[in-house]
Amino acid sequence: MDAIEIFEEMGRSFEKKIDEDFECSIQFNISDTDDNILIKIGNGEVRITSGIDEGVDMIIDTTTETIQDIYDRKITAFAAAGKADPSEPAPLDWTIGGGFRPAKMKNIYYTLMHFFHPEEPEKIKLGEEYSRMVHGGLAIPLYYHPGFRSAWYMIKKGEKLNEPGDTDPFPQGIVVIDGEGYAKIGDKTVEIKKNESYYIPPNSDQVLWTDSDEPLVIIWLAWGEGA
């Protein structure tokens, strides 16, 4: 299947997941084939055409291989688009388009989350082989809804998830599902291990690492305004 055929299959499934007033537009530039593919969503429909439109919400530069990997469930679109900083490259290397408005960000997140999961129920595979390095740890974004975010992280010895001063204005939590290590939460550093959960207040440091040869694996949660 080529990229347009993959997008068309996913688009038919996505139409069942959106309301009439849902709007989003993304231009995909496929570098190895020089194809430009427009995905425009509105009035309960997904329209996929060839061409260039600088007035879309988001522009994504990628390759046929990345699109195929997403289709084959080797990586999720959210993971492929993950960046610790907008200047970083990514397999789905996104920039804001001319039609973007901050209020549309929730629709872009929703599209990245659900457009590329045509199966029902949607499933995300966890493990190092499905992850990418983001914020200093191997990451797989999980679920997004306005006011809620979540992700799976694996931190290996010698790696550090976040840095002092990397804070967010909303509350967060971590659930340790494997391994042991350390967490700097606010001005305190604590030992953490499997089957423990920790609350991170707004505007607090949140730095995680391990000195063990076994990776530290967590589920990260964030909620509230701005999450």
N, C-alpha and C. Protein backbone atom coordinates (compact mmCIF):
# COMPACT_ATOMS: atom_id res chain seq x y z
N MET A 1 0.85 -1.21 0.00
CA MET A 1 0.00 0.00 0.00
C MET A 1 0.87 1.25 0.00
N ASP A 2 0.47 2.26 -0.78
CA ASP A 2 1.19 3.52 -0.71
C ASP A 2 0.57 4.40 0.37
N ALA A 3 1.17 5.57 0.60
CA ALA A 3 0.74 6.42 1.71
C ALA A 3 -0.71 6.85 1.58
N ILE A 4 -1.14 7.22 0.37
CA ILE A 4 -2.52 7.67 0.19
C ILE A 4 -3.50 6.54 0.51
N GLU A 5 -3.20 5.33 0.09
CA GLU A 5 -4.07 4.19 0.38
C GLU A 5 -4.16 3.94 1.89
N ILE A 6 -3.02 4.08 2.58
CA ILE A 6 -3.03 3.91 4.04
C ILE A 6 -3.88 5.00 4.68
N PHE A 7 -3.69 6.25 4.26
CA PHE A 7 -4.46 7.35 4.83
C PHE A 7 -5.95 7.18 4.54
N GLU A 8 -6.30 6.71 3.35
CA GLU A 8 -7.72 6.52 3.02
C GLU A 8 -8.36 5.47 3.91
N GLU A 9 -7.65 4.37 4.17
CA GLU A 9 -8.18 3.34 5.06
C GLU A 9 -8.37 3.89 6.47
N MET A 10 -7.38 4.62 6.96
CA MET A 10 -7.47 5.18 8.30
C MET A 10 -8.56 6.25 8.37
N GLY A 11 -8.70 7.02 7.30
CA GLY A 11 -9.70 8.07 7.27
C GLY A 11 -11.11 7.54 7.39
N ARG A 12 -11.39 6.40 6.73
CA ARG A 12 -12.73 5.81 6.82
C ARG A 12 -13.06 5.41 8.25
N SER A 13 -12.07 4.92 8.98
CA SER A 13 -12.29 4.57 10.37
C SER A 13 -12.43 5.81 11.25
N PHE A 14 -11.64 6.84 10.95
CA PHE A 14 -11.64 8.05 11.78
C PHE A 14 -12.97 8.79 11.69
N GLU A 15 -13.65 8.70 10.55
CA GLU A 15 -14.94 9.37 10.41
C GLU A 15 -15.95 8.90 11.45
N LYS A 16 -15.78 7.68 11.95
CA LYS A 16 -16.69 7.15 12.97
C LYS A 16 -16.38 7.71 14.37
N LYS A 17 -15.25 8.40 14.50
CA LYS A 17 -14.78 8.85 15.82
C LYS A 17 -14.92 10.36 16.02
N ILE A 18 -15.46 11.08 15.04
CA ILE A 18 -15.50 12.53 15.12
C ILE A 18 -16.94 13.05 14.99
N ASP A 19 -17.15 14.24 15.53
CA ASP A 19 -18.43 14.92 15.40
C ASP A 19 -18.43 15.80 14.15
N GLU A 20 -19.62 16.29 13.80
CA GLU A 20 -19.75 17.14 12.62
C GLU A 20 -18.90 18.41 12.71
N ASP A 21 -18.72 18.93 13.94
CA ASP A 21 -18.01 20.20 14.09
C ASP A 21 -16.51 20.03 14.29
N PHE A 22 -15.99 18.79 14.21
CA PHE A 22 -14.55 18.56 14.37
C PHE A 22 -13.83 19.01 13.11
N GLU A 23 -12.77 19.81 13.28
CA GLU A 23 -12.00 20.30 12.14
C GLU A 23 -10.50 20.14 12.41
N CYS A 24 -9.79 19.70 11.39
CA CYS A 24 -8.33 19.59 11.46
C CYS A 24 -7.80 19.43 10.05
N SER A 25 -6.63 19.98 9.79
CA SER A 25 -6.02 19.84 8.47
C SER A 25 -4.51 19.67 8.62
N ILE A 26 -3.98 18.66 7.92
CA ILE A 26 -2.56 18.35 8.00
C ILE A 26 -2.04 18.08 6.60
N GLN A 27 -0.89 18.64 6.28
CA GLN A 27 -0.21 18.34 5.02
C GLN A 27 0.98 17.44 5.31
N PHE A 28 1.02 16.28 4.64
CA PHE A 28 2.14 15.36 4.75
C PHE A 28 3.03 15.51 3.52
N ASN A 29 4.31 15.79 3.75
CA ASN A 29 5.30 15.82 2.68
C ASN A 29 6.15 14.55 2.79
N ILE A 30 6.03 13.66 1.81
CA ILE A 30 6.72 12.37 1.83
C ILE A 30 8.02 12.53 1.06
N SER A 31 9.14 12.56 1.75
CA SER A 31 10.40 12.97 1.14
C SER A 31 10.92 11.98 0.09
N ASP A 32 10.75 10.67 0.30
CA ASP A 32 11.34 9.71 -0.62
C ASP A 32 10.54 9.54 -1.91
N THR A 33 9.29 10.00 -1.92
CA THR A 33 8.49 9.91 -3.15
C THR A 33 8.10 11.28 -3.70
N ASP A 34 8.46 12.35 -2.97
CA ASP A 34 8.09 13.72 -3.35
C ASP A 34 6.59 13.92 -3.44
N ASP A 35 5.82 13.12 -2.70
CA ASP A 35 4.37 13.27 -2.66
C ASP A 35 3.99 14.30 -1.60
N ASN A 36 2.96 15.08 -1.90
CA ASN A 36 2.36 16.01 -0.94
C ASN A 36 0.90 15.59 -0.77
N ILE A 37 0.55 15.20 0.44
CA ILE A 37 -0.78 14.66 0.70
C ILE A 37 -1.49 15.53 1.73
N LEU A 38 -2.70 15.96 1.39
CA LEU A 38 -3.49 16.79 2.27
C LEU A 38 -4.58 15.95 2.93
N ILE A 39 -4.68 16.08 4.25
CA ILE A 39 -5.77 15.47 5.00
C ILE A 39 -6.59 16.60 5.60
N LYS A 40 -7.83 16.74 5.14
CA LYS A 40 -8.70 17.80 5.65
C LYS A 40 -9.94 17.16 6.25
N ILE A 41 -10.20 17.50 7.49
CA ILE A 41 -11.28 16.88 8.25
C ILE A 41 -12.28 17.96 8.63
N GLY A 42 -13.54 17.73 8.29
CA GLY A 42 -14.59 18.69 8.62
C GLY A 42 -15.94 18.17 8.17
N ASN A 43 -17.00 18.64 8.82
CA ASN A 43 -18.37 18.21 8.51
C ASN A 43 -18.53 16.70 8.60
N GLY A 44 -17.77 16.10 9.53
CA GLY A 44 -17.87 14.66 9.73
C GLY A 44 -17.20 13.82 8.67
N GLU A 45 -16.41 14.44 7.80
CA GLU A 45 -15.77 13.72 6.70
C GLU A 45 -14.26 13.92 6.73
N VAL A 46 -13.55 12.94 6.19
CA VAL A 46 -12.10 13.02 5.99
C VAL A 46 -11.84 13.03 4.50
N ARG A 47 -11.23 14.11 4.02
CA ARG A 47 -10.93 14.25 2.60
C ARG A 47 -9.41 14.18 2.43
N ILE A 48 -8.97 13.30 1.54
CA ILE A 48 -7.54 13.09 1.31
C ILE A 48 -7.25 13.35 -0.16
N THR A 49 -6.38 14.31 -0.42
CA THR A 49 -6.05 14.71 -1.78
C THR A 49 -4.55 14.94 -1.89
N SER A 50 -4.09 15.07 -3.12
CA SER A 50 -2.70 15.46 -3.36
C SER A 50 -2.62 16.96 -3.52
N GLY A 51 -1.52 17.55 -3.09
CA GLY A 51 -1.34 18.97 -3.27
C GLY A 51 -0.67 19.63 -2.08
N ILE A 52 -0.53 20.94 -2.19
CA ILE A 52 0.11 21.75 -1.15
C ILE A 52 -0.84 22.84 -0.72
N ASP A 53 -0.96 23.02 0.59
CA ASP A 53 -1.81 24.07 1.14
C ASP A 53 -1.12 24.64 2.37
N GLU A 54 -0.60 25.85 2.27
CA GLU A 54 0.12 26.45 3.39
C GLU A 54 -0.81 26.90 4.51
N GLY A 55 -2.13 26.81 4.28
CA GLY A 55 -3.08 27.24 5.29
C GLY A 55 -3.57 26.13 6.20
N VAL A 56 -2.87 24.98 6.19
CA VAL A 56 -3.27 23.87 7.06
C VAL A 56 -2.86 24.17 8.51
N ASP A 57 -3.37 23.34 9.42
CA ASP A 57 -3.03 23.51 10.83
C ASP A 57 -1.61 23.04 11.12
N MET A 58 -1.19 21.96 10.46
CA MET A 58 0.12 21.39 10.74
C MET A 58 0.71 20.83 9.46
N ILE A 59 2.04 20.93 9.33
CA ILE A 59 2.77 20.36 8.20
C ILE A 59 3.71 19.29 8.76
N ILE A 60 3.69 18.10 8.17
CA ILE A 60 4.50 16.99 8.65
C ILE A 60 5.38 16.47 7.53
N ASP A 61 6.68 16.48 7.75
CA ASP A 61 7.64 15.89 6.81
C ASP A 61 7.98 14.48 7.31
N THR A 62 7.89 13.51 6.41
CA THR A 62 8.11 12.13 6.82
C THR A 62 8.53 11.30 5.62
N THR A 63 8.54 9.98 5.79
CA THR A 63 8.92 9.05 4.72
C THR A 63 7.86 7.96 4.59
N THR A 64 7.90 7.28 3.45
CA THR A 64 7.00 6.14 3.25
C THR A 64 7.26 5.08 4.32
N GLU A 65 8.51 4.86 4.67
CA GLU A 65 8.86 3.86 5.68
C GLU A 65 8.20 4.16 7.02
N THR A 66 8.21 5.43 7.44
CA THR A 66 7.58 5.79 8.71
C THR A 66 6.08 5.56 8.66
N ILE A 67 5.44 5.96 7.56
CA ILE A 67 4.00 5.74 7.43
C ILE A 67 3.69 4.24 7.47
N GLN A 68 4.52 3.44 6.82
CA GLN A 68 4.31 1.99 6.82
C GLN A 68 4.53 1.41 8.23
N ASP A 69 5.54 1.92 8.94
CA ASP A 69 5.79 1.46 10.30
C ASP A 69 4.60 1.77 11.22
N ILE A 70 3.99 2.94 11.04
CA ILE A 70 2.81 3.28 11.83
C ILE A 70 1.66 2.34 11.48
N TYR A 71 1.48 2.08 10.19
CA TYR A 71 0.41 1.19 9.74
C TYR A 71 0.62 -0.23 10.27
N ASP A 72 1.89 -0.65 10.34
CA ASP A 72 2.23 -2.01 10.82
C ASP A 72 2.31 -2.07 12.34
N ARG A 73 2.01 -0.99 13.04
CA ARG A 73 2.01 -0.92 14.51
C ARG A 73 3.40 -1.08 15.11
N LYS A 74 4.44 -0.74 14.34
CA LYS A 74 5.78 -0.77 14.89
C LYS A 74 6.07 0.45 15.74
N ILE A 75 5.30 1.52 15.52
CA ILE A 75 5.40 2.74 16.30
C ILE A 75 4.07 3.47 16.15
N THR A 76 3.67 4.20 17.17
CA THR A 76 2.45 5.00 17.04
C THR A 76 2.78 6.35 16.42
N ALA A 77 1.79 6.99 15.84
CA ALA A 77 2.00 8.32 15.27
C ALA A 77 2.40 9.32 16.35
N PHE A 78 1.79 9.21 17.54
CA PHE A 78 2.13 10.11 18.63
C PHE A 78 3.60 9.94 19.03
N ALA A 79 4.07 8.69 19.10
CA ALA A 79 5.47 8.46 19.43
C ALA A 79 6.39 8.97 18.32
N ALA A 80 5.99 8.77 17.06
CA ALA A 80 6.80 9.22 15.94
C ALA A 80 6.89 10.74 15.86
N ALA A 81 5.90 11.43 16.41
CA ALA A 81 5.89 12.90 16.38
C ALA A 81 6.48 13.51 17.65
N GLY A 82 6.85 12.68 18.63
CA GLY A 82 7.29 13.19 19.92
C GLY A 82 8.57 14.00 19.84
N LYS A 83 8.59 15.13 20.53
CA LYS A 83 9.76 16.00 20.59
C LYS A 83 9.86 16.59 22.00
N ALA A 84 11.07 16.63 22.54
CA ALA A 84 11.28 17.37 23.79
C ALA A 84 11.33 18.86 23.51
N ASP A 85 11.71 19.22 22.28
CA ASP A 85 11.82 20.62 21.87
C ASP A 85 11.39 20.70 20.41
N PRO A 86 10.63 21.75 20.02
CA PRO A 86 10.17 21.83 18.63
C PRO A 86 11.27 21.82 17.59
N SER A 87 12.52 22.16 17.98
CA SER A 87 13.62 22.18 17.01
C SER A 87 14.19 20.80 16.73
N GLU A 88 13.81 19.80 17.54
CA GLU A 88 14.31 18.45 17.34
C GLU A 88 13.68 17.81 16.10
N PRO A 89 14.45 16.98 15.37
CA PRO A 89 13.85 16.21 14.28
C PRO A 89 13.07 15.03 14.84
N ALA A 90 12.12 14.53 14.08
CA ALA A 90 11.32 13.38 14.49
C ALA A 90 10.88 12.64 13.23
N PRO A 91 10.56 11.34 13.33
CA PRO A 91 10.09 10.61 12.14
C PRO A 91 8.87 11.25 11.50
N LEU A 92 7.94 11.75 12.32
CA LEU A 92 6.88 12.65 11.83
C LEU A 92 7.30 14.05 12.25
N ASP A 93 8.06 14.71 11.40
CA ASP A 93 8.71 15.98 11.78
C ASP A 93 7.76 17.14 11.49
N TRP A 94 7.08 17.61 12.54
CA TRP A 94 5.99 18.55 12.37
C TRP A 94 6.41 20.00 12.60
N THR A 95 5.74 20.87 11.87
CA THR A 95 5.81 22.31 12.11
C THR A 95 4.39 22.86 12.03
N ILE A 96 4.18 23.99 12.64
CA ILE A 96 2.86 24.62 12.63
C ILE A 96 2.58 25.22 11.26
N GLY A 97 1.37 25.01 10.75
CA GLY A 97 0.98 25.55 9.46
C GLY A 97 0.37 26.94 9.58
N GLY A 98 0.09 27.54 8.44
CA GLY A 98 -0.44 28.91 8.42
C GLY A 98 -1.83 29.04 8.98
N GLY A 99 -2.58 27.94 9.01
CA GLY A 99 -3.95 28.00 9.53
C GLY A 99 -4.07 27.67 11.00
N PHE A 100 -2.93 27.44 11.66
CA PHE A 100 -2.98 27.01 13.06
C PHE A 100 -3.45 28.12 13.98
N ARG A 101 -4.29 27.76 14.92
CA ARG A 101 -4.67 28.63 16.03
C ARG A 101 -4.55 27.79 17.30
N PRO A 102 -4.14 28.40 18.42
CA PRO A 102 -3.95 27.61 19.65
C PRO A 102 -5.15 26.76 20.03
N ALA A 103 -6.35 27.25 19.74
CA ALA A 103 -7.55 26.48 20.10
C ALA A 103 -7.66 25.17 19.32
N LYS A 104 -6.92 25.06 18.20
CA LYS A 104 -6.99 23.86 17.38
C LYS A 104 -6.05 22.76 17.88
N MET A 105 -5.19 23.06 18.87
CA MET A 105 -4.20 22.09 19.29
C MET A 105 -4.84 20.80 19.79
N LYS A 106 -5.97 20.92 20.46
CA LYS A 106 -6.62 19.71 20.99
C LYS A 106 -7.08 18.81 19.86
N ASN A 107 -7.50 19.40 18.73
CA ASN A 107 -7.92 18.59 17.59
C ASN A 107 -6.73 17.92 16.90
N ILE A 108 -5.58 18.62 16.87
CA ILE A 108 -4.37 18.02 16.30
C ILE A 108 -3.94 16.84 17.15
N TYR A 109 -3.93 17.01 18.48
CA TYR A 109 -3.59 15.90 19.38
C TYR A 109 -4.55 14.73 19.16
N TYR A 110 -5.83 15.02 19.08
CA TYR A 110 -6.82 13.97 18.92
C TYR A 110 -6.61 13.22 17.61
N THR A 111 -6.29 13.96 16.55
CA THR A 111 -6.06 13.33 15.25
C THR A 111 -4.83 12.43 15.30
N LEU A 112 -3.72 12.92 15.85
CA LEU A 112 -2.53 12.09 15.95
C LEU A 112 -2.79 10.84 16.80
N MET A 113 -3.63 11.00 17.82
CA MET A 113 -3.91 9.89 18.72
C MET A 113 -4.79 8.84 18.08
N HIS A 114 -5.83 9.25 17.37
CA HIS A 114 -6.88 8.31 16.96
C HIS A 114 -6.97 8.04 15.46
N PHE A 115 -6.48 8.96 14.61
CA PHE A 115 -6.56 8.74 13.16
C PHE A 115 -5.79 7.49 12.75
N PHE A 116 -4.64 7.29 13.39
CA PHE A 116 -3.74 6.22 12.97
C PHE A 116 -4.00 4.90 13.69
N HIS A 117 -5.15 4.78 14.34
CA HIS A 117 -5.54 3.55 15.01
C HIS A 117 -6.90 3.08 14.46
N PRO A 118 -6.92 2.50 13.28
CA PRO A 118 -8.21 2.10 12.69
C PRO A 118 -8.85 0.90 13.37
N GLU A 119 -8.06 0.12 14.13
CA GLU A 119 -8.64 -1.05 14.77
C GLU A 119 -9.54 -0.63 15.94
N GLU A 120 -10.49 -1.48 16.27
CA GLU A 120 -11.36 -1.26 17.41
C GLU A 120 -11.39 -2.51 18.27
N PRO A 121 -11.11 -2.42 19.58
CA PRO A 121 -10.68 -1.22 20.27
C PRO A 121 -9.24 -0.86 19.92
N GLU A 122 -8.90 0.41 20.08
CA GLU A 122 -7.54 0.86 19.80
C GLU A 122 -6.57 0.23 20.79
N LYS A 123 -5.41 -0.15 20.28
CA LYS A 123 -4.40 -0.80 21.12
C LYS A 123 -3.05 -0.14 20.89
N ILE A 124 -2.29 0.05 21.98
CA ILE A 124 -0.93 0.57 21.90
C ILE A 124 -0.01 -0.47 22.51
N LYS A 125 1.01 -0.86 21.77
CA LYS A 125 1.98 -1.83 22.26
C LYS A 125 3.07 -1.12 23.06
N LEU A 126 3.44 -1.71 24.21
CA LEU A 126 4.45 -1.13 25.08
C LEU A 126 5.72 -1.95 25.00
N GLY A 127 6.85 -1.28 25.14
CA GLY A 127 8.14 -1.95 25.10
C GLY A 127 9.16 -1.07 24.42
N GLU A 128 10.43 -1.34 24.69
CA GLU A 128 11.52 -0.53 24.15
C GLU A 128 11.46 -0.45 22.63
N GLU A 129 11.08 -1.57 21.97
CA GLU A 129 11.10 -1.61 20.51
C GLU A 129 10.06 -0.70 19.87
N TYR A 130 9.09 -0.22 20.64
CA TYR A 130 8.05 0.67 20.11
C TYR A 130 8.25 2.13 20.54
N SER A 131 9.36 2.42 21.20
CA SER A 131 9.54 3.73 21.83
C SER A 131 10.54 4.60 21.08
N ARG A 132 10.60 5.87 21.48
CA ARG A 132 11.60 6.82 21.00
C ARG A 132 12.13 7.62 22.18
N MET A 133 13.36 8.12 22.06
CA MET A 133 13.96 8.92 23.11
C MET A 133 13.34 10.32 23.10
N VAL A 134 12.67 10.68 24.19
CA VAL A 134 12.06 12.00 24.35
C VAL A 134 12.24 12.43 25.80
N HIS A 135 12.72 13.64 26.01
CA HIS A 135 12.94 14.17 27.37
C HIS A 135 13.96 13.35 28.16
N GLY A 136 14.85 12.62 27.47
CA GLY A 136 15.90 11.89 28.15
C GLY A 136 15.57 10.45 28.46
N GLY A 137 14.35 9.99 28.16
CA GLY A 137 13.96 8.61 28.38
C GLY A 137 13.24 8.05 27.17
N LEU A 138 13.15 6.74 27.08
CA LEU A 138 12.41 6.10 25.99
C LEU A 138 10.91 6.24 26.26
N ALA A 139 10.18 6.80 25.31
CA ALA A 139 8.80 7.20 25.56
C ALA A 139 7.84 6.61 24.55
N ILE A 140 6.64 6.30 25.03
CA ILE A 140 5.50 5.97 24.18
C ILE A 140 4.31 6.76 24.71
N PRO A 141 3.88 7.82 24.02
CA PRO A 141 2.66 8.51 24.46
C PRO A 141 1.47 7.54 24.45
N LEU A 142 0.61 7.65 25.43
CA LEU A 142 -0.53 6.76 25.53
C LEU A 142 -1.81 7.48 25.11
N TYR A 143 -2.51 8.09 26.04
CA TYR A 143 -3.82 8.65 25.71
C TYR A 143 -3.85 10.14 26.00
N TYR A 144 -4.54 10.86 25.12
CA TYR A 144 -4.71 12.31 25.26
C TYR A 144 -6.19 12.66 25.21
N HIS A 145 -6.57 13.56 26.08
CA HIS A 145 -7.87 14.20 26.05
C HIS A 145 -7.65 15.58 26.63
N PRO A 146 -8.34 16.61 26.14
CA PRO A 146 -8.13 17.94 26.72
C PRO A 146 -8.19 17.89 28.24
N GLY A 147 -7.07 18.28 28.87
CA GLY A 147 -6.98 18.23 30.32
C GLY A 147 -6.41 16.94 30.86
N PHE A 148 -5.97 16.03 29.98
CA PHE A 148 -5.38 14.78 30.44
C PHE A 148 -4.35 14.28 29.43
N ARG A 149 -3.19 13.84 29.93
CA ARG A 149 -2.16 13.23 29.10
C ARG A 149 -1.55 12.06 29.85
N SER A 150 -1.02 11.09 29.10
CA SER A 150 -0.35 9.96 29.74
C SER A 150 0.70 9.40 28.80
N ALA A 151 1.68 8.71 29.38
CA ALA A 151 2.75 8.13 28.59
C ALA A 151 3.43 7.01 29.36
N TRP A 152 4.06 6.11 28.62
CA TRP A 152 4.93 5.06 29.15
C TRP A 152 6.36 5.51 28.97
N TYR A 153 7.21 5.35 29.99
CA TYR A 153 8.61 5.73 29.90
C TYR A 153 9.49 4.60 30.41
N MET A 154 10.62 4.39 29.76
CA MET A 154 11.68 3.52 30.24
C MET A 154 12.95 4.35 30.38
N ILE A 155 13.55 4.31 31.58
CA ILE A 155 14.78 5.04 31.85
C ILE A 155 15.87 4.03 32.18
N LYS A 156 16.95 4.04 31.42
CA LYS A 156 18.07 3.12 31.64
C LYS A 156 19.18 3.81 32.43
N LYS A 157 20.07 3.00 32.98
CA LYS A 157 21.23 3.52 33.70
C LYS A 157 22.01 4.47 32.81
N GLY A 158 22.34 5.63 33.34
CA GLY A 158 23.04 6.65 32.57
C GLY A 158 22.12 7.65 31.90
N GLU A 159 20.82 7.39 31.91
CA GLU A 159 19.84 8.32 31.35
C GLU A 159 19.12 9.08 32.46
N LYS A 160 18.56 10.21 32.12
CA LYS A 160 17.83 11.01 33.10
C LYS A 160 16.60 11.59 32.42
N LEU A 161 15.44 11.28 32.97
CA LEU A 161 14.19 11.82 32.44
C LEU A 161 13.97 13.20 33.01
N ASN A 162 14.03 14.21 32.15
CA ASN A 162 13.91 15.62 32.51
C ASN A 162 15.18 16.13 33.21
N GLU A 163 15.22 17.43 33.39
CA GLU A 163 16.33 18.11 34.06
C GLU A 163 15.75 19.05 35.10
N PRO A 164 16.53 19.40 36.14
CA PRO A 164 16.04 20.39 37.10
C PRO A 164 15.58 21.67 36.39
N GLY A 165 14.43 22.16 36.78
CA GLY A 165 13.85 23.34 36.14
C GLY A 165 12.84 23.01 35.07
N ASP A 166 12.77 21.72 34.65
CA ASP A 166 11.74 21.31 33.68
C ASP A 166 10.43 21.09 34.44
N THR A 167 9.66 22.14 34.57
CA THR A 167 8.42 22.07 35.35
C THR A 167 7.21 22.33 34.46
N ASP A 168 6.04 21.94 34.97
CA ASP A 168 4.78 22.15 34.27
C ASP A 168 3.76 22.76 35.23
N PRO A 169 2.81 23.54 34.72
CA PRO A 169 1.87 24.24 35.61
C PRO A 169 0.69 23.40 36.06
N PHE A 170 0.68 22.11 35.73
CA PHE A 170 -0.46 21.25 36.08
C PHE A 170 0.04 20.09 36.94
N PRO A 171 -0.85 19.46 37.71
CA PRO A 171 -0.45 18.32 38.54
C PRO A 171 -0.14 17.10 37.67
N GLN A 172 0.74 16.24 38.22
CA GLN A 172 1.15 15.04 37.52
C GLN A 172 1.30 13.89 38.52
N GLY A 173 1.44 12.69 37.98
CA GLY A 173 1.69 11.53 38.81
C GLY A 173 2.52 10.53 38.05
N ILE A 174 3.29 9.73 38.77
CA ILE A 174 4.03 8.64 38.15
C ILE A 174 3.67 7.34 38.87
N VAL A 175 3.53 6.28 38.11
CA VAL A 175 3.29 4.95 38.65
C VAL A 175 4.46 4.08 38.20
N VAL A 176 5.23 3.56 39.16
CA VAL A 176 6.39 2.74 38.84
C VAL A 176 5.90 1.31 38.58
N ILE A 177 6.09 0.82 37.36
CA ILE A 177 5.61 -0.52 37.02
C ILE A 177 6.72 -1.55 36.92
N ASP A 178 7.99 -1.07 36.92
CA ASP A 178 9.10 -2.03 36.94
C ASP A 178 10.38 -1.30 37.33
N GLY A 179 11.27 -2.02 38.01
CA GLY A 179 12.57 -1.48 38.35
C GLY A 179 12.57 -0.63 39.60
N GLU A 180 13.69 0.04 39.82
CA GLU A 180 13.86 0.95 40.95
C GLU A 180 14.81 2.06 40.56
N GLY A 181 14.76 3.16 41.29
CA GLY A 181 15.62 4.29 40.96
C GLY A 181 15.35 5.44 41.90
N TYR A 182 15.47 6.64 41.36
CA TYR A 182 15.34 7.85 42.16
C TYR A 182 14.46 8.87 41.43
N ALA A 183 13.79 9.69 42.23
CA ALA A 183 12.99 10.79 41.68
C ALA A 183 13.25 12.04 42.50
N LYS A 184 13.58 13.12 41.81
CA LYS A 184 13.65 14.44 42.45
C LYS A 184 12.31 15.11 42.17
N ILE A 185 11.50 15.25 43.20
CA ILE A 185 10.17 15.86 43.09
C ILE A 185 10.19 17.11 43.94
N GLY A 186 10.09 18.26 43.31
CA GLY A 186 10.26 19.51 44.05
C GLY A 186 11.69 19.60 44.55
N ASP A 187 11.88 19.82 45.84
CA ASP A 187 13.22 19.94 46.40
C ASP A 187 13.65 18.68 47.15
N LYS A 188 12.91 17.57 46.99
CA LYS A 188 13.24 16.32 47.67
C LYS A 188 13.59 15.24 46.66
N THR A 189 14.58 14.42 47.03
CA THR A 189 14.93 13.26 46.23
C THR A 189 14.59 12.01 47.02
N VAL A 190 13.84 11.10 46.38
CA VAL A 190 13.38 9.89 47.06
C VAL A 190 13.73 8.67 46.22
N GLU A 191 13.91 7.54 46.90
CA GLU A 191 14.07 6.27 46.21
C GLU A 191 12.68 5.77 45.80
N ILE A 192 12.58 5.28 44.59
CA ILE A 192 11.30 4.78 44.09
C ILE A 192 11.48 3.36 43.58
N LYS A 193 10.40 2.57 43.62
CA LYS A 193 10.49 1.19 43.14
C LYS A 193 9.13 0.72 42.67
N LYS A 194 9.14 -0.45 42.04
CA LYS A 194 7.95 -1.07 41.47
C LYS A 194 6.80 -1.11 42.48
N ASN A 195 5.58 -0.86 41.95
CA ASN A 195 4.35 -0.89 42.75
C ASN A 195 4.22 0.30 43.69
N GLU A 196 4.88 1.40 43.32
CA GLU A 196 4.70 2.66 44.04
C GLU A 196 4.20 3.74 43.09
N SER A 197 3.49 4.71 43.64
CA SER A 197 2.97 5.82 42.87
C SER A 197 3.30 7.12 43.60
N TYR A 198 3.61 8.19 42.83
CA TYR A 198 3.99 9.46 43.43
C TYR A 198 3.25 10.61 42.75
N TYR A 199 2.82 11.56 43.56
CA TYR A 199 2.16 12.77 43.09
C TYR A 199 3.19 13.86 42.90
N ILE A 200 3.08 14.61 41.80
CA ILE A 200 3.98 15.73 41.50
C ILE A 200 3.15 17.01 41.45
N PRO A 201 3.30 17.90 42.44
CA PRO A 201 2.52 19.13 42.43
C PRO A 201 2.86 20.03 41.23
N PRO A 202 1.97 20.92 40.85
CA PRO A 202 2.27 21.86 39.77
C PRO A 202 3.55 22.65 40.05
N ASN A 203 4.27 22.96 38.98
CA ASN A 203 5.48 23.80 39.04
C ASN A 203 6.59 23.18 39.88
N SER A 204 6.63 21.84 39.93
CA SER A 204 7.66 21.14 40.69
C SER A 204 8.65 20.45 39.75
N ASP A 205 9.92 20.38 40.17
CA ASP A 205 10.87 19.55 39.45
C ASP A 205 10.38 18.11 39.41
N GLN A 206 10.76 17.39 38.36
CA GLN A 206 10.34 16.00 38.18
C GLN A 206 11.43 15.28 37.39
N VAL A 207 12.49 14.90 38.08
CA VAL A 207 13.65 14.29 37.45
C VAL A 207 13.75 12.84 37.92
N LEU A 208 13.87 11.90 36.98
CA LEU A 208 13.93 10.47 37.31
C LEU A 208 15.17 9.84 36.71
N TRP A 209 15.80 8.92 37.47
CA TRP A 209 16.96 8.20 36.97
C TRP A 209 17.14 6.91 37.76
N THR A 210 18.04 6.06 37.29
CA THR A 210 18.33 4.82 38.01
C THR A 210 19.82 4.53 37.93
N ASP A 211 20.35 3.92 38.98
CA ASP A 211 21.73 3.44 38.99
C ASP A 211 21.78 1.93 38.79
N SER A 212 20.64 1.32 38.59
CA SER A 212 20.54 -0.13 38.43
C SER A 212 20.77 -0.53 36.98
N ASP A 213 21.24 -1.74 36.79
CA ASP A 213 21.38 -2.27 35.43
C ASP A 213 20.03 -2.61 34.81
N GLU A 214 19.00 -2.74 35.66
CA GLU A 214 17.64 -3.00 35.17
C GLU A 214 16.93 -1.66 34.95
N PRO A 215 16.23 -1.49 33.82
CA PRO A 215 15.58 -0.20 33.55
C PRO A 215 14.49 0.13 34.57
N LEU A 216 14.27 1.41 34.75
CA LEU A 216 13.14 1.94 35.52
C LEU A 216 12.02 2.23 34.53
N VAL A 217 10.84 1.66 34.78
CA VAL A 217 9.71 1.81 33.85
C VAL A 217 8.54 2.43 34.60
N ILE A 218 7.96 3.48 34.04
CA ILE A 218 6.87 4.18 34.70
C ILE A 218 5.74 4.47 33.73
N ILE A 219 4.57 4.71 34.29
CA ILE A 219 3.45 5.35 33.58
C ILE A 219 3.36 6.77 34.12
N TRP A 220 3.37 7.74 33.21
CA TRP A 220 3.28 9.16 33.58
C TRP A 220 1.88 9.66 33.29
N LEU A 221 1.32 10.41 34.22
CA LEU A 221 -0.03 10.97 34.09
C LEU A 221 0.03 12.47 34.32
N ALA A 222 -0.78 13.21 33.59
CA ALA A 222 -0.91 14.66 33.81
C ALA A 222 -2.35 15.06 33.57
N TRP A 223 -2.83 15.99 34.38
CA TRP A 223 -4.24 16.37 34.26
C TRP A 223 -4.42 17.84 34.67
N GLY A 224 -5.57 18.37 34.37
CA GLY A 224 -5.86 19.76 34.73
C GLY A 224 -5.66 20.71 33.56
N GLU A 225 -5.92 21.96 33.81
CA GLU A 225 -5.80 22.98 32.77
C GLU A 225 -4.39 23.05 32.22
N GLY A 226 -4.27 22.98 30.91
CA GLY A 226 -2.97 23.03 30.25
C GLY A 226 -2.35 21.69 29.97
N ALA A 227 -2.89 20.64 30.56
CA ALA A 227 -2.31 19.30 30.34
C ALA A 227 -2.63 18.78 28.94
